[in-house]
């Protein structure tokens, strides 16, 4: 029984010591970084004024079926 208590106490002490060591080294917790603010020159509004004229939409191309494609459709 004494061995069991001794083992339990030593386990608790070891875990506490590990926690203390982690805190002193600074590796235990990760710090969240704040977002860096961008300078005003690179914001989206500044980029939009510089961008080129938008391309016109592409014309839709009609896809003609080949003879093989038509016969395949008839079979199914």
C-alpha atoms as a PDB file:
ATOM      1  CA  UNK A   1       0.000   0.000   0.000  1.00  0.00           C
ATOM      2  CA  UNK A   2       2.866   2.347   0.861  1.00  0.00           C
ATOM      3  CA  UNK A   3       4.464   1.663  -2.520  1.00  0.00           C
ATOM      4  CA  UNK A   4       1.216   2.578  -4.280  1.00  0.00           C
ATOM      5  CA  UNK A   5       0.951   5.905  -2.426  1.00  0.00           C
ATOM      6  CA  UNK A   6       4.623   6.631  -3.031  1.00  0.00           C
ATOM      7  CA  UNK A   7       4.219   5.891  -6.759  1.00  0.00           C
ATOM      8  CA  UNK A   8       1.152   8.116  -6.994  1.00  0.00           C
ATOM      9  CA  UNK A   9       2.863  11.023  -5.211  1.00  0.00           C
ATOM     10  CA  UNK A  10       6.017  10.706  -7.325  1.00  0.00           C
ATOM     11  CA  UNK A  11       3.914  10.693 -10.504  1.00  0.00           C
ATOM     12  CA  UNK A  12       2.123  13.872  -9.465  1.00  0.00           C
ATOM     13  CA  UNK A  13       5.391  15.557  -8.503  1.00  0.00           C
ATOM     14  CA  UNK A  14       6.970  14.586 -11.840  1.00  0.00           C
ATOM     15  CA  UNK A  15       4.061  16.007 -13.820  1.00  0.00           C
ATOM     16  CA  UNK A  16       4.146  19.270 -11.823  1.00  0.00           C
ATOM     17  CA  UNK A  17       7.887  19.590 -12.380  1.00  0.00           C
ATOM     18  CA  UNK A  18       7.426  19.017 -16.106  1.00  0.00           C
ATOM     19  CA  UNK A  19       4.790  21.769 -16.254  1.00  0.00           C
ATOM     20  CA  UNK A  20       7.089  24.189 -14.420  1.00  0.00           C
ATOM     21  CA  UNK A  21       9.970  23.371 -16.766  1.00  0.00           C
ATOM     22  CA  UNK A  22       7.756  23.891 -19.818  1.00  0.00           C
ATOM     23  CA  UNK A  23       6.680  27.312 -18.571  1.00  0.00           C
ATOM     24  CA  UNK A  24      10.242  28.415 -17.916  1.00  0.00           C
ATOM     25  CA  UNK A  25      11.444  27.364 -21.384  1.00  0.00           C
ATOM     26  CA  UNK A  26       8.519  29.108 -23.082  1.00  0.00           C
ATOM     27  CA  UNK A  27       7.619  26.169 -25.312  1.00  0.00           C
ATOM     28  CA  UNK A  28       4.511  24.979 -23.508  1.00  0.00           C
ATOM     29  CA  UNK A  29       1.953  27.332 -25.006  1.00  0.00           C
ATOM     30  CA  UNK A  30       1.746  28.809 -28.468  1.00  0.00           C
ATOM     31  CA  UNK A  31       0.974  32.480 -28.671  1.00  0.00           C
ATOM     32  CA  UNK A  32      -1.557  33.642 -31.201  1.00  0.00           C
ATOM     33  CA  UNK A  33      -0.240  36.206 -33.625  1.00  0.00           C
ATOM     34  CA  UNK A  34      -2.177  39.313 -34.421  1.00  0.00           C
ATOM     35  CA  UNK A  35      -2.971  40.082 -38.017  1.00  0.00           C
ATOM     36  CA  UNK A  36      -0.665  42.614 -39.550  1.00  0.00           C
ATOM     37  CA  UNK A  37      -2.393  45.572 -41.119  1.00  0.00           C
ATOM     38  CA  UNK A  38      -1.538  46.246 -44.735  1.00  0.00           C
ATOM     39  CA  UNK A  39      -0.424  49.642 -45.919  1.00  0.00           C
ATOM     40  CA  UNK A  40      -3.087  51.675 -47.709  1.00  0.00           C
ATOM     41  CA  UNK A  41      -1.296  51.359 -51.061  1.00  0.00           C
ATOM     42  CA  UNK A  42      -1.983  47.611 -51.322  1.00  0.00           C
ATOM     43  CA  UNK A  43      -5.667  47.505 -50.388  1.00  0.00           C
ATOM     44  CA  UNK A  44      -8.262  46.114 -52.792  1.00  0.00           C
ATOM     45  CA  UNK A  45      -9.622  49.543 -53.715  1.00  0.00           C
ATOM     46  CA  UNK A  46      -6.192  50.685 -54.799  1.00  0.00           C
ATOM     47  CA  UNK A  47      -5.696  47.531 -56.879  1.00  0.00           C
ATOM     48  CA  UNK A  48      -9.036  47.865 -58.683  1.00  0.00           C
ATOM     49  CA  UNK A  49      -8.175  51.258 -60.127  1.00  0.00           C
ATOM     50  CA  UNK A  50      -4.926  49.920 -61.589  1.00  0.00           C
ATOM     51  CA  UNK A  51      -6.339  46.719 -63.167  1.00  0.00           C
ATOM     52  CA  UNK A  52      -6.832  46.467 -66.936  1.00  0.00           C
ATOM     53  CA  UNK A  53     -10.119  46.574 -68.863  1.00  0.00           C
ATOM     54  CA  UNK A  54     -12.120  43.364 -68.262  1.00  0.00           C
ATOM     55  CA  UNK A  55     -12.266  40.819 -71.074  1.00  0.00           C
ATOM     56  CA  UNK A  56     -15.615  40.362 -72.843  1.00  0.00           C
ATOM     57  CA  UNK A  57     -17.463  37.107 -72.106  1.00  0.00           C
ATOM     58  CA  UNK A  58     -16.614  34.207 -74.391  1.00  0.00           C
ATOM     59  CA  UNK A  59     -19.130  33.168 -76.996  1.00  0.00           C
ATOM     60  CA  UNK A  60     -20.728  29.812 -76.414  1.00  0.00           C
ATOM     61  CA  UNK A  61     -19.587  27.217 -78.907  1.00  0.00           C
ATOM     62  CA  UNK A  62     -22.243  24.778 -80.054  1.00  0.00           C
ATOM     63  CA  UNK A  63     -21.031  21.226 -79.714  1.00  0.00           C
ATOM     64  CA  UNK A  64     -22.046  19.200 -82.713  1.00  0.00           C
ATOM     65  CA  UNK A  65     -22.401  15.490 -82.117  1.00  0.00           C
ATOM     66  CA  UNK A  66     -20.357  13.176 -84.267  1.00  0.00           C
ATOM     67  CA  UNK A  67     -21.944  10.290 -86.121  1.00  0.00           C
ATOM     68  CA  UNK A  68     -20.520   7.887 -83.524  1.00  0.00           C
ATOM     69  CA  UNK A  69     -21.998   9.968 -80.719  1.00  0.00           C
ATOM     70  CA  UNK A  70     -25.445   9.996 -82.360  1.00  0.00           C
ATOM     71  CA  UNK A  71     -25.453   6.255 -82.907  1.00  0.00           C
ATOM     72  CA  UNK A  72     -24.338   5.717 -79.314  1.00  0.00           C
ATOM     73  CA  UNK A  73     -27.297   7.800 -78.135  1.00  0.00           C
ATOM     74  CA  UNK A  74     -29.731   5.764 -80.268  1.00  0.00           C
ATOM     75  CA  UNK A  75     -28.448   2.477 -78.820  1.00  0.00           C
ATOM     76  CA  UNK A  76     -28.950   3.461 -75.199  1.00  0.00           C
END
